[in-house]
All heavy atoms as atom14 arrays in JSON, in Angstrom:
{
  "sequence": "PGGGRLPPPPSASADETVALSSRASLLARAEQMMNE",
  "atom14_mask": [
    [1, 1, 1, 1, 1, 1, 1, 0, 0, 0, 0, 0, 0, 0],
    [1, 1, 1, 1, 0, 0, 0, 0, 0, 0, 0, 0, 0, 0],
    [1, 1, 1, 1, 0, 0, 0, 0, 0, 0, 0, 0, 0, 0],
    [1, 1, 1, 1, 0, 0, 0, 0, 0, 0, 0, 0, 0, 0],
    [1, 1, 1, 1, 1, 1, 1, 1, 1, 1, 1, 0, 0, 0],
    [1, 1, 1, 1, 1, 1, 1, 1, 0, 0, 0, 0, 0, 0],
    [1, 1, 1, 1, 1, 1, 1, 0, 0, 0, 0, 0, 0, 0],
    [1, 1, 1, 1, 1, 1, 1, 0, 0, 0, 0, 0, 0, 0],
    [1, 1, 1, 1, 1, 1, 1, 0, 0, 0, 0, 0, 0, 0],
    [1, 1, 1, 1, 1, 1, 1, 0, 0, 0, 0, 0, 0, 0],
    [1, 1, 1, 1, 1, 1, 0, 0, 0, 0, 0, 0, 0, 0],
    [1, 1, 1, 1, 1, 0, 0, 0, 0, 0, 0, 0, 0, 0],
    [1, 1, 1, 1, 1, 1, 0, 0, 0, 0, 0, 0, 0, 0],
    [1, 1, 1, 1, 1, 0, 0, 0, 0, 0, 0, 0, 0, 0],
    [1, 1, 1, 1, 1, 1, 1, 1, 0, 0, 0, 0, 0, 0],
    [1, 1, 1, 1, 1, 1, 1, 1, 1, 0, 0, 0, 0, 0],
    [1, 1, 1, 1, 1, 1, 1, 0, 0, 0, 0, 0, 0, 0],
    [1, 1, 1, 1, 1, 1, 1, 0, 0, 0, 0, 0, 0, 0],
    [1, 1, 1, 1, 1, 0, 0, 0, 0, 0, 0, 0, 0, 0],
    [1, 1, 1, 1, 1, 1, 1, 1, 0, 0, 0, 0, 0, 0],
    [1, 1, 1, 1, 1, 1, 0, 0, 0, 0, 0, 0, 0, 0],
    [1, 1, 1, 1, 1, 1, 0, 0, 0, 0, 0, 0, 0, 0],
    [1, 1, 1, 1, 1, 1, 1, 1, 1, 1, 1, 0, 0, 0],
    [1, 1, 1, 1, 1, 0, 0, 0, 0, 0, 0, 0, 0, 0],
    [1, 1, 1, 1, 1, 1, 0, 0, 0, 0, 0, 0, 0, 0],
    [1, 1, 1, 1, 1, 1, 1, 1, 0, 0, 0, 0, 0, 0],
    [1, 1, 1, 1, 1, 1, 1, 1, 0, 0, 0, 0, 0, 0],
    [1, 1, 1, 1, 1, 0, 0, 0, 0, 0, 0, 0, 0, 0],
    [1, 1, 1, 1, 1, 1, 1, 1, 1, 1, 1, 0, 0, 0],
    [1, 1, 1, 1, 1, 0, 0, 0, 0, 0, 0, 0, 0, 0],
    [1, 1, 1, 1, 1, 1, 1, 1, 1, 0, 0, 0, 0, 0],
    [1, 1, 1, 1, 1, 1, 1, 1, 1, 0, 0, 0, 0, 0],
    [1, 1, 1, 1, 1, 1, 1, 1, 0, 0, 0, 0, 0, 0],
    [1, 1, 1, 1, 1, 1, 1, 1, 0, 0, 0, 0, 0, 0],
    [1, 1, 1, 1, 1, 1, 1, 1, 0, 0, 0, 0, 0, 0],
    [1, 1, 1, 1, 1, 1, 1, 1, 1, 0, 0, 0, 0, 0]
  ],
  "atom14_positions": [
    [[111.69, 11.98, 184.01], [111.13, 11.31, 182.8], [110.06, 10.31, 183.27], [110.25, 9.58, 184.26], [112.31, 10.6, 182.14], [113.48, 11.34, 182.72], [113.11, 11.81, 184.06], [0.0, 0.0, 0.0], [0.0, 0.0, 0.0], [0.0, 0.0, 0.0], [0.0, 0.0, 0.0], [0.0, 0.0, 0.0], [0.0, 0.0, 0.0], [0.0, 0.0, 0.0]],
    [[108.94, 10.27, 182.56], [107.89, 9.31, 182.91], [107.05, 9.79, 184.07], [106.21, 9.04, 184.52], [0.0, 0.0, 0.0], [0.0, 0.0, 0.0], [0.0, 0.0, 0.0], [0.0, 0.0, 0.0], [0.0, 0.0, 0.0], [0.0, 0.0, 0.0], [0.0, 0.0, 0.0], [0.0, 0.0, 0.0], [0.0, 0.0, 0.0], [0.0, 0.0, 0.0]],
    [[107.26, 10.99, 184.55], [106.38, 11.54, 185.57], [106.84, 11.24, 187.02], [106.32, 11.77, 187.98], [0.0, 0.0, 0.0], [0.0, 0.0, 0.0], [0.0, 0.0, 0.0], [0.0, 0.0, 0.0], [0.0, 0.0, 0.0], [0.0, 0.0, 0.0], [0.0, 0.0, 0.0], [0.0, 0.0, 0.0], [0.0, 0.0, 0.0], [0.0, 0.0, 0.0]],
    [[107.84, 10.39, 187.17], [108.28, 10.01, 188.53], [109.28, 11.04, 189.06], [109.76, 11.88, 188.35], [0.0, 0.0, 0.0], [0.0, 0.0, 0.0], [0.0, 0.0, 0.0], [0.0, 0.0, 0.0], [0.0, 0.0, 0.0], [0.0, 0.0, 0.0], [0.0, 0.0, 0.0], [0.0, 0.0, 0.0], [0.0, 0.0, 0.0], [0.0, 0.0, 0.0]],
    [[109.54, 10.98, 190.32], [110.5, 11.91, 190.91], [111.89, 11.45, 190.64], [112.15, 10.24, 190.58], [110.28, 11.99, 192.46], [108.93, 12.44, 192.88], [108.84, 13.95, 192.68], [107.58, 14.39, 193.11], [106.89, 15.42, 192.57], [107.46, 16.08, 191.59], [105.7, 15.8, 192.99], [0.0, 0.0, 0.0], [0.0, 0.0, 0.0], [0.0, 0.0, 0.0]],
    [[112.79, 12.46, 190.45], [114.2, 12.1, 190.2], [114.82, 11.65, 191.53], [114.6, 12.26, 192.6], [114.92, 13.31, 189.66], [114.51, 13.78, 188.29], [115.22, 15.13, 187.94], [114.78, 12.75, 187.28], [0.0, 0.0, 0.0], [0.0, 0.0, 0.0], [0.0, 0.0, 0.0], [0.0, 0.0, 0.0], [0.0, 0.0, 0.0], [0.0, 0.0, 0.0]],
    [[115.71, 10.73, 191.46], [116.4, 10.29, 192.73], [117.38, 11.36, 193.11], [117.88, 12.14, 192.33], [117.13, 9.0, 192.33], [117.29, 9.13, 190.8], [116.13, 9.92, 190.35], [0.0, 0.0, 0.0], [0.0, 0.0, 0.0], [0.0, 0.0, 0.0], [0.0, 0.0, 0.0], [0.0, 0.0, 0.0], [0.0, 0.0, 0.0], [0.0, 0.0, 0.0]],
    [[117.74, 11.45, 194.46], [118.69, 12.42, 194.89], [120.07, 12.07, 194.26], [120.39, 10.94, 193.88], [118.77, 12.21, 196.4], [118.16, 10.84, 196.67], [117.27, 10.55, 195.53], [0.0, 0.0, 0.0], [0.0, 0.0, 0.0], [0.0, 0.0, 0.0], [0.0, 0.0, 0.0], [0.0, 0.0, 0.0], [0.0, 0.0, 0.0], [0.0, 0.0, 0.0]],
    [[120.95, 13.13, 194.05], [122.25, 12.85, 193.48], [123.1, 12.02, 194.39], [122.92, 12.01, 195.62], [122.87, 14.24, 193.29], [122.09, 15.11, 194.23], [120.77, 14.49, 194.44], [0.0, 0.0, 0.0], [0.0, 0.0, 0.0], [0.0, 0.0, 0.0], [0.0, 0.0, 0.0], [0.0, 0.0, 0.0], [0.0, 0.0, 0.0], [0.0, 0.0, 0.0]],
    [[123.97, 11.18, 193.85], [124.79, 10.32, 194.64], [125.76, 11.15, 195.52], [126.19, 12.21, 195.11], [125.59, 9.43, 193.64], [125.55, 10.23, 192.37], [124.25, 11.0, 192.44], [0.0, 0.0, 0.0], [0.0, 0.0, 0.0], [0.0, 0.0, 0.0], [0.0, 0.0, 0.0], [0.0, 0.0, 0.0], [0.0, 0.0, 0.0], [0.0, 0.0, 0.0]],
    [[125.98, 10.67, 196.72], [126.93, 11.34, 197.61], [128.37, 11.13, 197.19], [128.7, 10.05, 196.71], [126.73, 10.87, 199.05], [125.48, 11.09, 199.49], [0.0, 0.0, 0.0], [0.0, 0.0, 0.0], [0.0, 0.0, 0.0], [0.0, 0.0, 0.0], [0.0, 0.0, 0.0], [0.0, 0.0, 0.0], [0.0, 0.0, 0.0], [0.0, 0.0, 0.0]],
    [[129.21, 12.16, 197.33], [130.6, 12.03, 197.03], [131.33, 11.32, 198.19], [131.05, 11.51, 199.34], [131.21, 13.36, 196.81], [0.0, 0.0, 0.0], [0.0, 0.0, 0.0], [0.0, 0.0, 0.0], [0.0, 0.0, 0.0], [0.0, 0.0, 0.0], [0.0, 0.0, 0.0], [0.0, 0.0, 0.0], [0.0, 0.0, 0.0], [0.0, 0.0, 0.0]],
    [[132.26, 10.51, 197.83], [133.06, 9.81, 198.88], [134.14, 10.77, 199.38], [134.46, 11.76, 198.7], [133.68, 8.54, 198.37], [134.67, 8.83, 197.38], [0.0, 0.0, 0.0], [0.0, 0.0, 0.0], [0.0, 0.0, 0.0], [0.0, 0.0, 0.0], [0.0, 0.0, 0.0], [0.0, 0.0, 0.0], [0.0, 0.0, 0.0], [0.0, 0.0, 0.0]],
    [[134.69, 10.48, 200.51], [135.67, 11.38, 201.14], [136.93, 11.54, 200.3], [137.62, 12.52, 200.37], [136.05, 10.87, 202.52], [0.0, 0.0, 0.0], [0.0, 0.0, 0.0], [0.0, 0.0, 0.0], [0.0, 0.0, 0.0], [0.0, 0.0, 0.0], [0.0, 0.0, 0.0], [0.0, 0.0, 0.0], [0.0, 0.0, 0.0], [0.0, 0.0, 0.0]],
    [[137.31, 10.51, 199.43], [138.5, 10.65, 198.7], [138.34, 11.3, 197.35], [139.25, 11.46, 196.6], [139.16, 9.24, 198.53], [138.23, 8.27, 197.76], [136.98, 8.53, 197.72], [138.74, 7.3, 197.24], [0.0, 0.0, 0.0], [0.0, 0.0, 0.0], [0.0, 0.0, 0.0], [0.0, 0.0, 0.0], [0.0, 0.0, 0.0], [0.0, 0.0, 0.0]],
    [[137.12, 11.76, 196.96], [136.86, 12.39, 195.69], [137.14, 13.93, 195.86], [136.79, 14.49, 196.9], [135.41, 12.2, 195.25], [135.18, 10.78, 194.87], [133.72, 10.62, 194.26], [133.36, 11.45, 193.46], [133.07, 9.72, 194.76], [0.0, 0.0, 0.0], [0.0, 0.0, 0.0], [0.0, 0.0, 0.0], [0.0, 0.0, 0.0], [0.0, 0.0, 0.0]],
    [[137.76, 14.46, 194.87], [138.04, 15.91, 194.93], [137.69, 16.54, 193.58], [137.57, 15.87, 192.52], [139.58, 16.22, 195.14], [140.29, 15.63, 194.08], [140.0, 15.64, 196.49], [0.0, 0.0, 0.0], [0.0, 0.0, 0.0], [0.0, 0.0, 0.0], [0.0, 0.0, 0.0], [0.0, 0.0, 0.0], [0.0, 0.0, 0.0], [0.0, 0.0, 0.0]],
    [[137.42, 17.85, 193.58], [137.09, 18.62, 192.38], [138.07, 19.77, 192.36], [138.28, 20.49, 193.34], [135.63, 19.08, 192.45], [135.35, 20.01, 191.27], [134.69, 17.91, 192.47], [0.0, 0.0, 0.0], [0.0, 0.0, 0.0], [0.0, 0.0, 0.0], [0.0, 0.0, 0.0], [0.0, 0.0, 0.0], [0.0, 0.0, 0.0], [0.0, 0.0, 0.0]],
    [[138.66, 19.97, 191.19], [139.55, 21.13, 191.05], [138.9, 22.15, 190.03], [138.44, 21.73, 188.98], [140.85, 20.7, 190.52], [0.0, 0.0, 0.0], [0.0, 0.0, 0.0], [0.0, 0.0, 0.0], [0.0, 0.0, 0.0], [0.0, 0.0, 0.0], [0.0, 0.0, 0.0], [0.0, 0.0, 0.0], [0.0, 0.0, 0.0], [0.0, 0.0, 0.0]],
    [[138.86, 23.37, 190.41], [138.3, 24.4, 189.58], [139.4, 25.2, 188.92], [140.4, 25.51, 189.55], [137.42, 25.36, 190.4], [136.18, 24.77, 191.07], [135.44, 25.8, 191.85], [135.18, 24.14, 190.04], [0.0, 0.0, 0.0], [0.0, 0.0, 0.0], [0.0, 0.0, 0.0], [0.0, 0.0, 0.0], [0.0, 0.0, 0.0], [0.0, 0.0, 0.0]],
    [[139.19, 25.54, 187.65], [140.16, 26.38, 187.0], [140.05, 27.82, 187.66], [139.14, 28.15, 188.33], [139.82, 26.47, 185.5], [138.62, 27.2, 185.28], [0.0, 0.0, 0.0], [0.0, 0.0, 0.0], [0.0, 0.0, 0.0], [0.0, 0.0, 0.0], [0.0, 0.0, 0.0], [0.0, 0.0, 0.0], [0.0, 0.0, 0.0], [0.0, 0.0, 0.0]],
    [[141.05, 28.61, 187.33], [141.03, 30.0, 187.87], [139.84, 30.75, 187.38], [139.26, 31.58, 188.05], [142.39, 30.71, 187.57], [142.58, 30.81, 186.2], [0.0, 0.0, 0.0], [0.0, 0.0, 0.0], [0.0, 0.0, 0.0], [0.0, 0.0, 0.0], [0.0, 0.0, 0.0], [0.0, 0.0, 0.0], [0.0, 0.0, 0.0], [0.0, 0.0, 0.0]],
    [[139.47, 30.51, 186.09], [138.3, 31.16, 185.49], [137.02, 30.72, 186.19], [136.13, 31.54, 186.52], [138.27, 30.91, 184.02], [137.06, 31.57, 183.35], [137.01, 31.42, 181.83], [137.96, 32.33, 181.34], [138.23, 32.43, 180.08], [137.68, 31.6, 179.19], [139.13, 33.31, 179.62], [0.0, 0.0, 0.0], [0.0, 0.0, 0.0], [0.0, 0.0, 0.0]],
    [[136.9, 29.47, 186.49], [135.69, 28.95, 187.18], [135.63, 29.54, 188.61], [134.56, 29.96, 189.06], [135.71, 27.45, 187.22], [0.0, 0.0, 0.0], [0.0, 0.0, 0.0], [0.0, 0.0, 0.0], [0.0, 0.0, 0.0], [0.0, 0.0, 0.0], [0.0, 0.0, 0.0], [0.0, 0.0, 0.0], [0.0, 0.0, 0.0], [0.0, 0.0, 0.0]],
    [[136.75, 29.64, 189.27], [136.76, 30.23, 190.59], [136.39, 31.69, 190.52], [135.66, 32.19, 191.37], [138.19, 30.12, 191.22], [138.5, 28.78, 191.41], [0.0, 0.0, 0.0], [0.0, 0.0, 0.0], [0.0, 0.0, 0.0], [0.0, 0.0, 0.0], [0.0, 0.0, 0.0], [0.0, 0.0, 0.0], [0.0, 0.0, 0.0], [0.0, 0.0, 0.0]],
    [[136.87, 32.43, 189.51], [136.5, 33.83, 189.33], [135.0, 33.97, 189.07], [134.38, 34.87, 189.63], [137.36, 34.41, 188.19], [137.2, 35.91, 187.88], [137.55, 36.74, 189.12], [138.0, 36.32, 186.7], [0.0, 0.0, 0.0], [0.0, 0.0, 0.0], [0.0, 0.0, 0.0], [0.0, 0.0, 0.0], [0.0, 0.0, 0.0], [0.0, 0.0, 0.0]],
    [[134.5, 33.12, 188.2], [133.05, 33.15, 187.89], [132.2, 32.85, 189.18], [131.18, 33.47, 189.39], [132.71, 32.19, 186.78], [133.13, 32.6, 185.38], [132.89, 31.48, 184.43], [132.43, 33.86, 184.98], [0.0, 0.0, 0.0], [0.0, 0.0, 0.0], [0.0, 0.0, 0.0], [0.0, 0.0, 0.0], [0.0, 0.0, 0.0], [0.0, 0.0, 0.0]],
    [[132.67, 31.87, 189.98], [131.95, 31.57, 191.17], [131.94, 32.74, 192.12], [130.9, 33.01, 192.73], [132.58, 30.33, 191.84], [0.0, 0.0, 0.0], [0.0, 0.0, 0.0], [0.0, 0.0, 0.0], [0.0, 0.0, 0.0], [0.0, 0.0, 0.0], [0.0, 0.0, 0.0], [0.0, 0.0, 0.0], [0.0, 0.0, 0.0], [0.0, 0.0, 0.0]],
    [[133.06, 33.39, 192.24], [133.16, 34.56, 193.12], [132.27, 35.68, 192.61], [131.58, 36.36, 193.38], [134.63, 35.03, 193.21], [134.8, 36.29, 194.04], [134.54, 36.03, 195.53], [134.67, 37.3, 196.25], [133.84, 37.78, 197.12], [132.74, 37.1, 197.44], [134.05, 38.87, 197.75], [0.0, 0.0, 0.0], [0.0, 0.0, 0.0], [0.0, 0.0, 0.0]],
    [[132.29, 35.9, 191.3], [131.44, 36.98, 190.73], [129.96, 36.63, 190.95], [129.17, 37.55, 191.28], [131.68, 37.06, 189.2], [0.0, 0.0, 0.0], [0.0, 0.0, 0.0], [0.0, 0.0, 0.0], [0.0, 0.0, 0.0], [0.0, 0.0, 0.0], [0.0, 0.0, 0.0], [0.0, 0.0, 0.0], [0.0, 0.0, 0.0], [0.0, 0.0, 0.0]],
    [[129.59, 35.41, 190.83], [128.16, 35.0, 191.07], [127.79, 35.24, 192.5], [126.74, 35.71, 192.87], [127.98, 33.53, 190.72], [126.52, 33.11, 190.93], [126.32, 31.6, 190.54], [127.34, 30.85, 190.48], [125.16, 31.25, 190.33], [0.0, 0.0, 0.0], [0.0, 0.0, 0.0], [0.0, 0.0, 0.0], [0.0, 0.0, 0.0], [0.0, 0.0, 0.0]],
    [[128.68, 34.87, 193.42], [128.48, 35.12, 194.85], [128.25, 36.61, 195.14], [127.35, 37.01, 195.86], [129.64, 34.56, 195.67], [129.49, 34.8, 197.17], [130.71, 34.4, 197.93], [131.72, 33.96, 197.38], [130.63, 34.46, 199.23], [0.0, 0.0, 0.0], [0.0, 0.0, 0.0], [0.0, 0.0, 0.0], [0.0, 0.0, 0.0], [0.0, 0.0, 0.0]],
    [[129.11, 37.45, 194.52], [129.01, 38.9, 194.73], [127.71, 39.45, 194.16], [127.05, 40.31, 194.78], [130.21, 39.61, 194.1], [131.51, 39.32, 194.86], [132.97, 40.0, 193.99], [132.63, 41.75, 194.08], [0.0, 0.0, 0.0], [0.0, 0.0, 0.0], [0.0, 0.0, 0.0], [0.0, 0.0, 0.0], [0.0, 0.0, 0.0], [0.0, 0.0, 0.0]],
    [[127.29, 38.93, 193.0], [126.06, 39.37, 192.41], [124.85, 38.95, 193.27], [123.85, 39.71, 193.39], [125.86, 38.75, 191.02], [126.91, 39.17, 190.02], [126.42, 40.54, 189.0], [124.85, 40.12, 188.44], [0.0, 0.0, 0.0], [0.0, 0.0, 0.0], [0.0, 0.0, 0.0], [0.0, 0.0, 0.0], [0.0, 0.0, 0.0], [0.0, 0.0, 0.0]],
    [[124.92, 37.82, 193.89], [123.81, 37.38, 194.77], [123.72, 38.19, 196.03], [122.62, 38.23, 196.68], [123.95, 35.88, 195.13], [123.72, 34.97, 193.95], [123.01, 35.32, 193.0], [124.39, 33.84, 193.98], [0.0, 0.0, 0.0], [0.0, 0.0, 0.0], [0.0, 0.0, 0.0], [0.0, 0.0, 0.0], [0.0, 0.0, 0.0], [0.0, 0.0, 0.0]],
    [[124.79, 38.9, 196.42], [124.73, 39.72, 197.59], [124.17, 41.1, 197.33], [123.84, 41.84, 198.24], [126.18, 39.83, 198.16], [126.7, 38.52, 198.69], [128.19, 38.62, 199.03], [128.82, 39.7, 198.88], [128.74, 37.58, 199.49], [0.0, 0.0, 0.0], [0.0, 0.0, 0.0], [0.0, 0.0, 0.0], [0.0, 0.0, 0.0], [0.0, 0.0, 0.0]]
  ]
}
């Protein structure tokens, strides 16, 4: 916005985790297979 460059995304700390649902994992695998 305003024509400037966007800052890089913040780095995750070592104690942060992300959990994916089984559907999200399945979609991620399907996307990986499609890219191949």
